[in-house]
């Protein structure tokens, strides 16, 4: 998959800064975005602060 030139440059910088290849960089970025968006469990236990409310406050 190819991205726009600006995204390809940013992806290349990210991969270089983390010492990983392009595919691993894409996986890490997508995983982080999905976790931050609430679409994927992070593997950490507990309820994220933004999801706390009176009904789940023990």
Protein backbone atom coordinates (compact mmCIF):
# COMPACT_ATOMS: atom_id res chain seq x y z
CA UNK A 1 0.00 0.00 0.00
CA UNK A 2 1.30 3.43 -0.91
CA UNK A 3 0.37 6.64 0.85
CA UNK A 4 0.67 10.29 -0.13
CA UNK A 5 4.20 11.66 -0.20
CA UNK A 6 3.82 13.49 3.13
CA UNK A 7 2.60 10.34 4.90
CA UNK A 8 5.34 8.23 3.31
CA UNK A 9 7.96 10.69 4.55
CA UNK A 10 6.50 10.70 8.06
CA UNK A 11 6.27 6.90 8.03
CA UNK A 12 9.88 6.63 6.94
CA UNK A 13 10.97 9.01 9.71
CA UNK A 14 8.98 7.06 12.30
CA UNK A 15 10.47 3.74 11.19
CA UNK A 16 14.00 5.13 11.19
CA UNK A 17 13.59 6.77 14.63
CA UNK A 18 12.33 3.48 16.10
CA UNK A 19 14.79 1.21 14.29
CA UNK A 20 12.04 -0.80 12.60
CA UNK A 21 10.97 -1.53 9.05
CA UNK A 22 8.05 0.08 7.25
CA UNK A 23 5.60 -2.79 7.88
CA UNK A 24 6.29 -2.79 11.62
CA UNK A 25 5.91 1.00 11.69
CA UNK A 26 2.49 0.74 10.04
CA UNK A 27 1.40 -1.96 12.51
CA UNK A 28 2.50 0.11 15.51
CA UNK A 29 0.82 3.28 14.25
CA UNK A 30 -2.45 1.51 13.42
CA UNK A 31 -2.45 -0.38 16.74
CA UNK A 32 -1.88 2.84 18.68
CA UNK A 33 -4.64 4.66 16.81
CA UNK A 34 -7.11 1.80 17.37
CA UNK A 35 -6.29 1.58 21.08
CA UNK A 36 -6.55 5.35 21.50
CA UNK A 37 -9.88 5.34 19.66
CA UNK A 38 -11.27 2.60 21.87
CA UNK A 39 -11.52 0.05 19.05
CA UNK A 40 -8.86 -2.32 20.38
CA UNK A 41 -8.10 -3.43 23.92
CA UNK A 42 -4.67 -2.33 25.06
CA UNK A 43 -4.07 -5.43 27.13
CA UNK A 44 -3.96 -3.34 30.28
CA UNK A 45 -6.53 -4.03 32.94
CA UNK A 46 -9.01 -1.51 34.22
CA UNK A 47 -11.31 1.09 32.78
CA UNK A 48 -9.73 4.01 30.93
CA UNK A 49 -10.30 7.33 32.74
CA UNK A 50 -12.44 8.72 29.93
CA UNK A 51 -14.88 5.79 30.33
CA UNK A 52 -15.29 6.13 34.11
CA UNK A 53 -18.65 7.28 35.41
CA UNK A 54 -20.81 6.93 38.52
CA UNK A 55 -22.13 3.52 37.44
CA UNK A 56 -18.68 1.92 37.23
CA UNK A 57 -16.94 3.80 40.05
CA UNK A 58 -16.21 1.18 42.71
